[in-house]
C-alpha atoms as a PDB file:
ATOM      1  CA  MET A   1     101.557 143.759  87.577  1.00  0.00           C
ATOM      2  CA  HIS A   2      98.154 143.620  89.251  1.00  0.00           C
ATOM      3  CA  THR A   3      96.149 146.752  88.390  1.00  0.00           C
ATOM      4  CA  VAL A   4      93.665 148.253  90.856  1.00  0.00           C
ATOM      5  CA  ALA A   5      91.153 150.785  89.528  1.00  0.00           C
ATOM      6  CA  VAL A   6      89.525 152.928  92.230  1.00  0.00           C
ATOM      7  CA  LEU A   7      86.269 154.466  91.011  1.00  0.00           C
ATOM      8  CA  ALA A   8      85.727 158.051  92.194  1.00  0.00           C
ATOM      9  CA  LEU A   9      82.141 159.176  91.756  1.00  0.00           C
ATOM     10  CA  ASP A  10      80.804 162.646  92.539  1.00  0.00           C
ATOM     11  CA  GLN A  11      80.606 163.319  96.306  1.00  0.00           C
ATOM     12  CA  VAL A  12      83.050 160.472  96.976  1.00  0.00           C
ATOM     13  CA  ILE A  13      83.944 160.047 100.642  1.00  0.00           C
ATOM     14  CA  PRO A  14      87.618 161.122 100.851  1.00  0.00           C
ATOM     15  CA  PHE A  15      88.646 158.489 103.398  1.00  0.00           C
ATOM     16  CA  ASP A  16      87.080 155.691 101.362  1.00  0.00           C
ATOM     17  CA  LEU A  17      88.949 156.910  98.282  1.00  0.00           C
ATOM     18  CA  SER A  18      92.313 157.251  99.999  1.00  0.00           C
ATOM     19  CA  VAL A  19      92.383 153.884 101.799  1.00  0.00           C
ATOM     20  CA  PRO A  20      92.696 151.611  98.726  1.00  0.00           C
ATOM     21  CA  VAL A  21      94.987 154.091  96.961  1.00  0.00           C
ATOM     22  CA  ASP A  22      97.328 154.237  99.952  1.00  0.00           C
ATOM     23  CA  THR A  23      97.094 150.604 101.110  1.00  0.00           C
ATOM     24  CA  PHE A  24      97.631 148.974  97.724  1.00  0.00           C
ATOM     25  CA  GLY A  25     100.218 151.642  96.940  1.00  0.00           C
ATOM     26  CA  ARG A  26     102.280 150.675  99.999  1.00  0.00           C
ATOM     27  CA  ALA A  27     102.402 146.950  99.142  1.00  0.00           C
ATOM     28  CA  ARG A  28     105.845 145.732  98.082  1.00  0.00           C
ATOM     29  CA  LEU A  29     106.976 142.372  96.742  1.00  0.00           C
ATOM     30  CA  PRO A  30     109.926 140.594  98.405  1.00  0.00           C
ATOM     31  CA  ASP A  31     112.338 142.149  95.874  1.00  0.00           C
ATOM     32  CA  GLY A  32     111.071 145.643  96.689  1.00  0.00           C
ATOM     33  CA  ARG A  33     108.989 146.179  93.543  1.00  0.00           C
ATOM     34  CA  PRO A  34     105.463 147.613  93.893  1.00  0.00           C
ATOM     35  CA  ALA A  35     102.875 144.858  94.116  1.00  0.00           C
ATOM     36  CA  TYR A  36     100.128 146.911  92.465  1.00  0.00           C
ATOM     37  CA  ARG A  37      99.524 149.593  89.894  1.00  0.00           C
ATOM     38  CA  VAL A  38      96.789 151.875  91.291  1.00  0.00           C
ATOM     39  CA  ARG A  39      94.631 154.048  89.042  1.00  0.00           C
ATOM     40  CA  VAL A  40      91.890 156.466  90.072  1.00  0.00           C
ATOM     41  CA  CYS A  41      89.161 156.627  87.438  1.00  0.00           C
ATOM     42  CA  SER A  42      85.922 158.557  87.100  1.00  0.00           C
ATOM     43  CA  PRO A  43      83.137 159.286  84.606  1.00  0.00           C
ATOM     44  CA  ALA A  44      84.264 162.935  84.799  1.00  0.00           C
ATOM     45  CA  GLY A  45      87.736 164.442  84.897  1.00  0.00           C
ATOM     46  CA  GLU A  46      87.140 166.274  88.173  1.00  0.00           C
ATOM     47  CA  VAL A  47      85.200 164.909  91.130  1.00  0.00           C
ATOM     48  CA  ASN A  48      83.602 166.801  94.002  1.00  0.00           C
ATOM     49  CA  ALA A  49      84.898 165.216  97.223  1.00  0.00           C
ATOM     50  CA  GLY A  50      83.165 167.598  99.577  1.00  0.00           C
ATOM     51  CA  ALA A  51      85.959 169.639 101.168  1.00  0.00           C
ATOM     52  CA  PHE A  52      88.048 169.520  98.001  1.00  0.00           C
ATOM     53  CA  ALA A  53      88.027 168.396  94.379  1.00  0.00           C
ATOM     54  CA  VAL A  54      89.806 165.342  92.984  1.00  0.00           C
ATOM     55  CA  ARG A  55      91.238 165.180  89.487  1.00  0.00           C
ATOM     56  CA  ALA A  56      90.943 161.639  88.185  1.00  0.00           C
ATOM     57  CA  PRO A  57      93.528 160.864  85.472  1.00  0.00           C
ATOM     58  CA  TYR A  58      91.575 157.910  84.047  1.00  0.00           C
ATOM     59  CA  GLY A  59      88.073 157.417  82.677  1.00  0.00           C
ATOM     60  CA  LEU A  60      85.752 154.430  82.993  1.00  0.00           C
ATOM     61  CA  GLU A  61      87.739 152.631  80.302  1.00  0.00           C
ATOM     62  CA  ALA A  62      90.459 152.011  82.898  1.00  0.00           C
ATOM     63  CA  MET A  63      88.146 149.528  84.600  1.00  0.00           C
ATOM     64  CA  ALA A  64      88.248 147.265  81.549  1.00  0.00           C
ATOM     65  CA  ASP A  65      91.981 146.630  82.004  1.00  0.00           C
ATOM     66  CA  ALA A  66      91.918 146.337  85.802  1.00  0.00           C
ATOM     67  CA  ASP A  67      92.335 143.152  87.800  1.00  0.00           C
ATOM     68  CA  THR A  68      90.504 144.687  90.759  1.00  0.00           C
ATOM     69  CA  VAL A  69      87.937 147.495  90.874  1.00  0.00           C
ATOM     70  CA  VAL A  70      87.299 149.249  94.187  1.00  0.00           C
ATOM     71  CA  LEU A  71      84.102 151.238  94.851  1.00  0.00           C
ATOM     72  CA  PRO A  72      84.431 153.865  97.608  1.00  0.00           C
ATOM     73  CA  GLY A  73      81.296 155.203  99.266  1.00  0.00           C
ATOM     74  CA  VAL A  74      79.598 158.466  98.318  1.00  0.00           C
ATOM     75  CA  ALA A  75      77.817 161.068 100.442  1.00  0.00           C
ATOM     76  CA  ASP A  76      74.394 160.095  99.068  1.00  0.00           C
ATOM     77  CA  PRO A  77      74.520 156.344  98.373  1.00  0.00           C
ATOM     78  CA  THR A  78      70.923 156.352  97.114  1.00  0.00           C
ATOM     79  CA  ALA A  79      71.625 158.769  94.251  1.00  0.00           C
ATOM     80  CA  PRO A  80      71.286 157.320  90.723  1.00  0.00           C
ATOM     81  CA  LEU A  81      74.496 156.065  89.160  1.00  0.00           C
ATOM     82  CA  PRO A  82      76.066 158.290  86.496  1.00  0.00           C
ATOM     83  CA  PRO A  83      75.590 157.100  82.904  1.00  0.00           C
ATOM     84  CA  GLY A  84      77.874 154.269  81.940  1.00  0.00           C
ATOM     85  CA  VAL A  85      78.932 153.256  85.469  1.00  0.00           C
ATOM     86  CA  ALA A  86      76.609 150.255  85.894  1.00  0.00           C
ATOM     87  CA  GLU A  87      77.436 149.019  82.391  1.00  0.00           C
ATOM     88  CA  ALA A  88      81.183 149.315  83.030  1.00  0.00           C
ATOM     89  CA  LEU A  89      80.912 147.446  86.332  1.00  0.00           C
ATOM     90  CA  CYS A  90      78.815 144.659  84.812  1.00  0.00           C
ATOM     91  CA  ALA A  91      81.268 144.329  81.934  1.00  0.00           C
ATOM     92  CA  SER A  92      84.158 144.084  84.398  1.00  0.00           C
ATOM     93  CA  ALA A  93      82.332 141.412  86.381  1.00  0.00           C
ATOM     94  CA  ALA A  94      81.627 139.459  83.194  1.00  0.00           C
ATOM     95  CA  ASN A  95      85.367 139.530  82.446  1.00  0.00           C
ATOM     96  CA  GLY A  96      86.152 138.033  85.847  1.00  0.00           C
ATOM     97  CA  THR A  97      87.439 141.248  87.427  1.00  0.00           C
ATOM     98  CA  ARG A  98      87.393 141.295  91.215  1.00  0.00           C
ATOM     99  CA  ILE A  99      85.113 144.063  92.531  1.00  0.00           C
ATOM    100  CA  ALA A 100      85.221 145.351  96.109  1.00  0.00           C
ATOM    101  CA  SER A 101      83.087 148.020  97.764  1.00  0.00           C
ATOM    102  CA  ILE A 102      83.963 150.175 100.756  1.00  0.00           C
ATOM    103  CA  CYS A 103      81.353 151.253 103.320  1.00  0.00           C
ATOM    104  CA  VAL A 104      78.257 152.563 101.509  1.00  0.00           C
ATOM    105  CA  GLY A 105      79.958 151.799  98.203  1.00  0.00           C
ATOM    106  CA  ALA A 106      77.939 148.581  98.594  1.00  0.00           C
ATOM    107  CA  PHE A 107      74.927 150.605  97.394  1.00  0.00           C
ATOM    108  CA  VAL A 108      76.761 151.308  94.126  1.00  0.00           C
ATOM    109  CA  LEU A 109      77.519 147.613  93.688  1.00  0.00           C
ATOM    110  CA  ALA A 110      73.992 146.567  94.655  1.00  0.00           C
ATOM    111  CA  ALA A 111      72.476 149.048  92.172  1.00  0.00           C
ATOM    112  CA  THR A 112      74.041 147.069  89.327  1.00  0.00           C
ATOM    113  CA  GLY A 113      72.313 143.852  90.429  1.00  0.00           C
ATOM    114  CA  LEU A 114      75.670 142.099  90.851  1.00  0.00           C
ATOM    115  CA  LEU A 115      75.077 141.537  94.577  1.00  0.00           C
ATOM    116  CA  ASP A 116      71.710 139.841  94.084  1.00  0.00           C
ATOM    117  CA  GLY A 117      71.727 136.494  95.876  1.00  0.00           C
ATOM    118  CA  TRP A 118      74.994 137.241  97.697  1.00  0.00           C
ATOM    119  CA  ARG A 119      75.869 138.058 101.295  1.00  0.00           C
ATOM    120  CA  ALA A 120      77.245 141.570 101.791  1.00  0.00           C
ATOM    121  CA  THR A 121      78.005 144.172 104.423  1.00  0.00           C
ATOM    122  CA  THR A 122      78.213 147.936 104.736  1.00  0.00           C
ATOM    123  CA  HIS A 123      78.453 150.482 107.545  1.00  0.00           C
ATOM    124  CA  TRP A 124      76.178 149.277 110.333  1.00  0.00           C
ATOM    125  CA  MET A 125      74.185 152.525 110.260  1.00  0.00           C
ATOM    126  CA  ALA A 126      73.329 151.962 106.587  1.00  0.00           C
ATOM    127  CA  ALA A 127      72.748 148.200 106.756  1.00  0.00           C
ATOM    128  CA  GLY A 128      68.991 148.453 107.270  1.00  0.00           C
ATOM    129  CA  ASP A 129      68.589 150.814 104.327  1.00  0.00           C
ATOM    130  CA  LEU A 130      70.704 148.564 102.089  1.00  0.00           C
ATOM    131  CA  ALA A 131      68.608 145.523 103.013  1.00  0.00           C
ATOM    132  CA  GLU A 132      65.359 147.414 102.418  1.00  0.00           C
ATOM    133  CA  ARG A 133      66.387 148.830  99.050  1.00  0.00           C
ATOM    134  CA  TYR A 134      67.921 145.606  97.778  1.00  0.00           C
ATOM    135  CA  PRO A 135      65.968 142.690  99.292  1.00  0.00           C
ATOM    136  CA  LYS A 136      67.779 140.166  97.092  1.00  0.00           C
ATOM    137  CA  VAL A 137      71.019 140.963  98.960  1.00  0.00           C
ATOM    138  CA  THR A 138      71.645 139.238 102.298  1.00  0.00           C
ATOM    139  CA  VAL A 139      73.024 142.044 104.450  1.00  0.00           C
ATOM    140  CA  ASP A 140      75.223 141.124 107.439  1.00  0.00           C
ATOM    141  CA  PRO A 141      75.857 144.219 109.607  1.00  0.00           C
ATOM    142  CA  ASN A 142      78.063 142.394 112.120  1.00  0.00           C
ATOM    143  CA  VAL A 143      81.241 141.736 110.126  1.00  0.00           C
ATOM    144  CA  LEU A 144      84.168 143.871 108.979  1.00  0.00           C
ATOM    145  CA  TYR A 145      84.070 142.523 105.434  1.00  0.00           C
ATOM    146  CA  VAL A 146      82.554 139.763 103.302  1.00  0.00           C
ATOM    147  CA  ASP A 147      84.549 137.882 100.665  1.00  0.00           C
ATOM    148  CA  ASN A 148      82.422 136.062  98.089  1.00  0.00           C
ATOM    149  CA  GLY A 149      85.381 135.402  95.837  1.00  0.00           C
ATOM    150  CA  GLN A 150      84.882 137.795  92.951  1.00  0.00           C
ATOM    151  CA  LEU A 151      82.753 140.239  94.952  1.00  0.00           C
ATOM    152  CA  LEU A 152      83.818 141.742  98.280  1.00  0.00           C
ATOM    153  CA  THR A 153      82.152 144.303 100.535  1.00  0.00           C
ATOM    154  CA  SER A 154      83.478 146.034 103.637  1.00  0.00           C
ATOM    155  CA  ALA A 155      81.998 147.906 106.553  1.00  0.00           C
ATOM    156  CA  GLY A 156      82.721 151.545 107.314  1.00  0.00           C
ATOM    157  CA  ALA A 157      85.967 153.492 107.647  1.00  0.00           C
ATOM    158  CA  ALA A 158      88.856 151.385 108.967  1.00  0.00           C
ATOM    159  CA  ALA A 159      87.207 148.135 107.854  1.00  0.00           C
ATOM    160  CA  ALA A 160      88.292 149.121 104.349  1.00  0.00           C
ATOM    161  CA  MET A 161      91.888 148.557 105.433  1.00  0.00           C
ATOM    162  CA  ASP A 162      90.998 145.124 106.800  1.00  0.00           C
ATOM    163  CA  MET A 163      89.513 144.173 103.436  1.00  0.00           C
ATOM    164  CA  CYS A 164      92.431 145.603 101.424  1.00  0.00           C
ATOM    165  CA  LEU A 165      94.972 143.730 103.560  1.00  0.00           C
ATOM    166  CA  HIS A 166      92.892 140.575 103.123  1.00  0.00           C
ATOM    167  CA  MET A 167      93.016 140.969  99.332  1.00  0.00           C
ATOM    168  CA  ILE A 168      96.774 141.626  99.413  1.00  0.00           C
ATOM    169  CA  ARG A 169      97.291 138.445 101.414  1.00  0.00           C
ATOM    170  CA  LYS A 170      95.209 136.466  98.907  1.00  0.00           C
ATOM    171  CA  ASP A 171      97.169 137.938  95.990  1.00  0.00           C
ATOM    172  CA  HIS A 172     100.725 137.857  97.334  1.00  0.00           C
ATOM    173  CA  GLY A 173     100.813 135.943 100.612  1.00  0.00           C
ATOM    174  CA  SER A 174     101.058 136.772 104.296  1.00  0.00           C
ATOM    175  CA  ALA A 175     104.563 138.268 104.197  1.00  0.00           C
ATOM    176  CA  VAL A 176     103.605 140.995 101.704  1.00  0.00           C
ATOM    177  CA  ALA A 177     100.360 141.660 103.592  1.00  0.00           C
ATOM    178  CA  ALA A 178     102.185 141.834 106.939  1.00  0.00           C
ATOM    179  CA  TYR A 179     104.705 144.321 105.503  1.00  0.00           C
ATOM    180  CA  THR A 180     101.864 146.466 104.168  1.00  0.00           C
ATOM    181  CA  ALA A 181     100.095 146.318 107.542  1.00  0.00           C
ATOM    182  CA  ARG A 182     103.262 147.449 109.338  1.00  0.00           C
ATOM    183  CA  MET A 183     103.747 150.322 106.908  1.00  0.00           C
ATOM    184  CA  SER A 184     100.121 151.330 107.509  1.00  0.00           C
ATOM    185  CA  VAL A 185     100.516 150.956 111.309  1.00  0.00           C
ATOM    186  CA  MET A 186      97.611 148.556 111.200  1.00  0.00           C
ATOM    187  CA  PRO A 187      97.183 145.022 112.610  1.00  0.00           C
ATOM    188  CA  LEU A 188      96.993 142.395 109.892  1.00  0.00           C
ATOM    189  CA  GLU A 189      93.861 141.013 111.536  1.00  0.00           C
ATOM    190  CA  ARG A 190      91.545 142.632 114.061  1.00  0.00           C
ATOM    191  CA  GLU A 191      89.480 140.768 116.639  1.00  0.00           C
ATOM    192  CA  GLY A 192      85.710 140.830 116.427  1.00  0.00           C
ATOM    193  CA  GLY A 193      83.443 142.359 113.824  1.00  0.00           C
ATOM    194  CA  GLN A 194      81.687 145.663 113.465  1.00  0.00           C
ATOM    195  CA  ALA A 195      78.984 144.552 115.906  1.00  0.00           C
ATOM    196  CA  GLN A 196      81.287 145.807 118.667  1.00  0.00           C
ATOM    197  CA  PHE A 197      81.020 149.336 117.221  1.00  0.00           C
ATOM    198  CA  ILE A 198      77.231 149.349 116.969  1.00  0.00           C
ATOM    199  CA  VAL A 199      75.647 151.576 119.574  1.00  0.00           C
ATOM    200  CA  GLN A 200      73.519 149.246 121.673  1.00  0.00           C
ATOM    201  CA  ASP A 201      70.568 151.492 122.414  1.00  0.00           C
ATOM    202  CA  PRO A 202      68.656 150.926 125.646  1.00  0.00           C
ATOM    203  CA  PRO A 203      65.868 148.390 125.138  1.00  0.00           C
ATOM    204  CA  PRO A 204      62.789 150.054 123.665  1.00  0.00           C
ATOM    205  CA  THR A 205      60.260 151.471 126.115  1.00  0.00           C
ATOM    206  CA  PRO A 206      57.391 152.828 123.995  1.00  0.00           C
ATOM    207  CA  ALA A 207      55.992 155.989 125.555  1.00  0.00           C
ATOM    208  CA  GLY A 208      52.459 155.459 126.749  1.00  0.00           C
ATOM    209  CA  ALA A 209      52.640 151.682 126.400  1.00  0.00           C
ATOM    210  CA  THR A 210      50.865 149.715 129.112  1.00  0.00           C
ATOM    211  CA  LEU A 211      54.127 147.856 129.767  1.00  0.00           C
ATOM    212  CA  GLU A 212      56.155 151.043 130.313  1.00  0.00           C
ATOM    213  CA  PRO A 213      56.211 150.752 134.151  1.00  0.00           C
ATOM    214  CA  LEU A 214      57.238 147.102 133.905  1.00  0.00           C
ATOM    215  CA  LEU A 215      60.035 147.893 131.444  1.00  0.00           C
ATOM    216  CA  ARG A 216      61.428 150.526 133.801  1.00  0.00           C
ATOM    217  CA  TRP A 217      61.249 148.001 136.626  1.00  0.00           C
ATOM    218  CA  LEU A 218      63.115 145.423 134.536  1.00  0.00           C
ATOM    219  CA  GLU A 219      65.906 147.889 133.785  1.00  0.00           C
ATOM    220  CA  ASP A 220      66.238 148.694 137.482  1.00  0.00           C
ATOM    221  CA  HIS A 221      66.292 145.014 138.463  1.00  0.00           C
ATOM    222  CA  CYS A 222      68.145 143.400 135.543  1.00  0.00           C
ATOM    223  CA  ASP A 223      70.882 142.275 137.954  1.00  0.00           C
ATOM    224  CA  ARG A 224      68.434 139.836 139.583  1.00  0.00           C
ATOM    225  CA  ASP A 225      67.926 136.258 138.408  1.00  0.00           C
ATOM    226  CA  LEU A 226      64.398 136.888 137.179  1.00  0.00           C
ATOM    227  CA  THR A 227      62.114 134.202 135.774  1.00  0.00           C
ATOM    228  CA  LEU A 228      59.224 134.677 133.384  1.00  0.00           C
ATOM    229  CA  ASP A 229      56.767 133.893 136.188  1.00  0.00           C
ATOM    230  CA  GLU A 230      58.305 136.548 138.449  1.00  0.00           C
ATOM    231  CA  ILE A 231      58.121 139.137 135.666  1.00  0.00           C
ATOM    232  CA  ALA A 232      54.499 138.179 134.973  1.00  0.00           C
ATOM    233  CA  ALA A 233      53.656 138.485 138.686  1.00  0.00           C
ATOM    234  CA  GLN A 234      55.201 141.963 138.765  1.00  0.00           C
ATOM    235  CA  ALA A 235      53.044 142.890 135.759  1.00  0.00           C
ATOM    236  CA  GLY A 236      49.933 141.374 137.361  1.00  0.00           C
ATOM    237  CA  MET A 237      49.143 139.078 134.460  1.00  0.00           C
ATOM    238  CA  SER A 238      49.711 135.521 133.325  1.00  0.00           C
ATOM    239  CA  ALA A 239      52.953 134.526 131.605  1.00  0.00           C
ATOM    240  CA  ARG A 240      51.026 133.804 128.404  1.00  0.00           C
ATOM    241  CA  THR A 241      49.377 137.243 128.394  1.00  0.00           C
ATOM    242  CA  LEU A 242      52.688 138.893 129.231  1.00  0.00           C
ATOM    243  CA  ASN A 243      54.397 137.237 126.263  1.00  0.00           C
ATOM    244  CA  ARG A 244      51.614 138.395 123.954  1.00  0.00           C
ATOM    245  CA  ARG A 245      51.742 141.981 125.247  1.00  0.00           C
ATOM    246  CA  PHE A 246      55.517 142.061 124.962  1.00  0.00           C
ATOM    247  CA  ARG A 247      55.395 140.924 121.350  1.00  0.00           C
ATOM    248  CA  GLU A 248      52.789 143.573 120.552  1.00  0.00           C
ATOM    249  CA  GLN A 249      54.581 146.481 122.268  1.00  0.00           C
ATOM    250  CA  THR A 250      58.314 145.688 121.984  1.00  0.00           C
ATOM    251  CA  GLY A 251      58.593 143.125 119.191  1.00  0.00           C
ATOM    252  CA  THR A 252      60.425 140.660 121.417  1.00  0.00           C
ATOM    253  CA  THR A 253      59.957 138.433 124.480  1.00  0.00           C
ATOM    254  CA  PRO A 254      60.406 139.475 128.130  1.00  0.00           C
ATOM    255  CA  LEU A 255      63.552 137.390 128.579  1.00  0.00           C
ATOM    256  CA  GLN A 256      65.115 138.556 125.315  1.00  0.00           C
ATOM    257  CA  TRP A 257      64.392 142.155 126.332  1.00  0.00           C
ATOM    258  CA  LEU A 258      66.009 141.467 129.712  1.00  0.00           C
ATOM    259  CA  HIS A 259      69.132 139.959 128.092  1.00  0.00           C
ATOM    260  CA  ARG A 260      69.525 143.074 125.961  1.00  0.00           C
ATOM    261  CA  ALA A 261      69.246 145.329 129.016  1.00  0.00           C
ATOM    262  CA  ARG A 262      71.907 143.234 130.776  1.00  0.00           C
ATOM    263  CA  VAL A 263      74.333 143.476 127.865  1.00  0.00           C
ATOM    264  CA  ARG A 264      73.842 147.244 127.772  1.00  0.00           C
ATOM    265  CA  ARG A 265      74.643 147.484 131.495  1.00  0.00           C
ATOM    266  CA  ALA A 266      77.705 145.276 131.023  1.00  0.00           C
ATOM    267  CA  GLN A 267      78.964 147.513 128.201  1.00  0.00           C
ATOM    268  CA  TYR A 268      78.601 150.555 130.429  1.00  0.00           C
ATOM    269  CA  LEU A 269      80.512 148.887 133.271  1.00  0.00           C
ATOM    270  CA  LEU A 270      83.274 147.720 130.933  1.00  0.00           C
ATOM    271  CA  GLU A 271      83.665 151.255 129.595  1.00  0.00           C
ATOM    272  CA  THR A 272      83.545 153.112 132.912  1.00  0.00           C
ATOM    273  CA  THR A 273      84.984 150.842 135.629  1.00  0.00           C
ATOM    274  CA  SER A 274      87.978 148.625 136.280  1.00  0.00           C
ATOM    275  CA  TYR A 275      85.831 145.847 137.726  1.00  0.00           C
ATOM    276  CA  PRO A 276      86.887 142.292 136.809  1.00  0.00           C
ATOM    277  CA  VAL A 277      84.673 140.392 134.406  1.00  0.00           C
ATOM    278  CA  GLU A 278      83.349 138.207 137.217  1.00  0.00           C
ATOM    279  CA  ARG A 279      81.972 141.221 139.102  1.00  0.00           C
ATOM    280  CA  ILE A 280      80.491 142.767 135.972  1.00  0.00           C
ATOM    281  CA  ALA A 281      78.785 139.458 135.158  1.00  0.00           C
ATOM    282  CA  ALA A 282      77.154 139.480 138.594  1.00  0.00           C
ATOM    283  CA  GLN A 283      76.165 143.160 138.490  1.00  0.00           C
ATOM    284  CA  ALA A 284      74.657 142.784 135.038  1.00  0.00           C
ATOM    285  CA  GLY A 285      72.572 139.826 136.120  1.00  0.00           C
ATOM    286  CA  PHE A 286      74.304 136.967 134.327  1.00  0.00           C
ATOM    287  CA  GLY A 287      74.339 133.621 136.102  1.00  0.00           C
ATOM    288  CA  SER A 288      78.061 133.058 135.650  1.00  0.00           C
ATOM    289  CA  PRO A 289      81.105 134.619 133.975  1.00  0.00           C
ATOM    290  CA  THR A 290      80.903 131.907 131.311  1.00  0.00           C
ATOM    291  CA  ALA A 291      77.268 132.698 130.525  1.00  0.00           C
ATOM    292  CA  PHE A 292      78.152 136.395 130.448  1.00  0.00           C
ATOM    293  CA  ARG A 293      81.028 135.899 127.992  1.00  0.00           C
ATOM    294  CA  GLU A 294      78.911 133.735 125.696  1.00  0.00           C
ATOM    295  CA  ARG A 295      75.949 136.121 125.651  1.00  0.00           C
ATOM    296  CA  PHE A 296      78.184 139.190 125.272  1.00  0.00           C
ATOM    297  CA  ARG A 297      80.048 137.683 122.312  1.00  0.00           C
ATOM    298  CA  ARG A 298      76.762 136.643 120.693  1.00  0.00           C
ATOM    299  CA  VAL A 299      75.302 140.163 120.912  1.00  0.00           C
ATOM    300  CA  VAL A 300      78.374 142.387 120.565  1.00  0.00           C
ATOM    301  CA  GLY A 301      80.556 140.169 118.375  1.00  0.00           C
ATOM    302  CA  THR A 302      83.647 140.199 120.572  1.00  0.00           C
ATOM    303  CA  SER A 303      84.775 139.268 124.080  1.00  0.00           C
ATOM    304  CA  PRO A 304      84.249 141.526 127.122  1.00  0.00           C
ATOM    305  CA  GLN A 305      88.016 142.026 127.520  1.00  0.00           C
ATOM    306  CA  THR A 306      88.505 142.965 123.874  1.00  0.00           C
ATOM    307  CA  TYR A 307      85.559 145.346 124.095  1.00  0.00           C
ATOM    308  CA  ARG A 308      87.079 146.981 127.173  1.00  0.00           C
ATOM    309  CA  ARG A 309      90.462 147.431 125.473  1.00  0.00           C
ATOM    310  CA  SER A 310      88.742 149.050 122.487  1.00  0.00           C
ATOM    311  CA  PHE A 311      86.359 151.383 124.290  1.00  0.00           C
ATOM    312  CA  ARG A 312      87.849 152.260 127.663  1.00  0.00           C
ATOM    313  CA  PRO A 313      90.281 155.190 127.387  1.00  0.00           C
ATOM    314  CA  THR A 314      93.959 154.338 127.976  1.00  0.00           C
ATOM    315  CA  GLY A 315      95.026 155.218 131.478  1.00  0.00           C
ATOM    316  CA  ASP A 316      91.424 155.679 132.508  1.00  0.00           C
ATOM    317  CA  THR A 317      90.872 155.942 136.238  1.00  0.00           C
ATOM    318  CA  ALA A 318      87.126 155.563 136.229  1.00  0.00           C
ATOM    319  CA  THR A 319      85.480 155.552 139.627  1.00  0.00           C
ATOM    320  CA  PRO A 320      83.796 152.212 140.340  1.00  0.00           C
ATOM    321  CA  ILE A 321      80.030 152.423 140.369  1.00  0.00           C
ATOM    322  CA  ALA A 322      78.211 151.023 143.358  1.00  0.00           C
END
């Protein structure tokens, strides 16, 4: 039987710990037998999980016999690893054990050096910190999980279930994975990546910047089909000077800034109105519904309709905005 060892470190995030225990524990083979043996292990017998304590029945030695090791996130992912943890993980990797991290558990995996040279993900809010602390890791904040074969990483919260179901399907096939998904009341595959959950902040408007009035004007007129020359004329400078000033003060170009403002407006309209996509495309300043869908998917990671289903409350009767 395939053995899964879930490593519970001090300050483990309870949800991250429970997802692999529950998901792998629900998996059943066609004859009804459990598909996995799940063990919770820890460097210490009792683990502080914030609101409660967890008693781990196994020590780090349980990782040596496991086929898969899962690393849940911890409250402070930058804290030093307890003695023996990095060595146990590296020994497991050397033995060919599959290792998967959940959410900020990627920091634990990265701290061992095992992720160096690999693509990985984590919760989108922690992606920048992970990339800064471990520059040898290629961090992708837009996906639900990354499978490198022996090493897997998942984004935050529910993305852990996506990754676990993916591993179950690889181990035992689609039928076992589909059964586990039904028992978990979870789709076997979800559309889009975690980019759709990233809060798209309004485009930056640095206080006191000489471009601040122009940026406000762009936000107010992002529904218009503006050209670079028109924007430069509004700013009272040449297109070349405008590009240079934009780079200096916003880190991007005028048209890229405008596209971001349009996507933000489209997200707001999708969340708060029942307008068809064609009308939202026009009100957000996109040339056509096709151009809108392509740009929206590129930035948000999913389609406008899927985004609306995910983020507009069921039965919502939002008042259309003029």
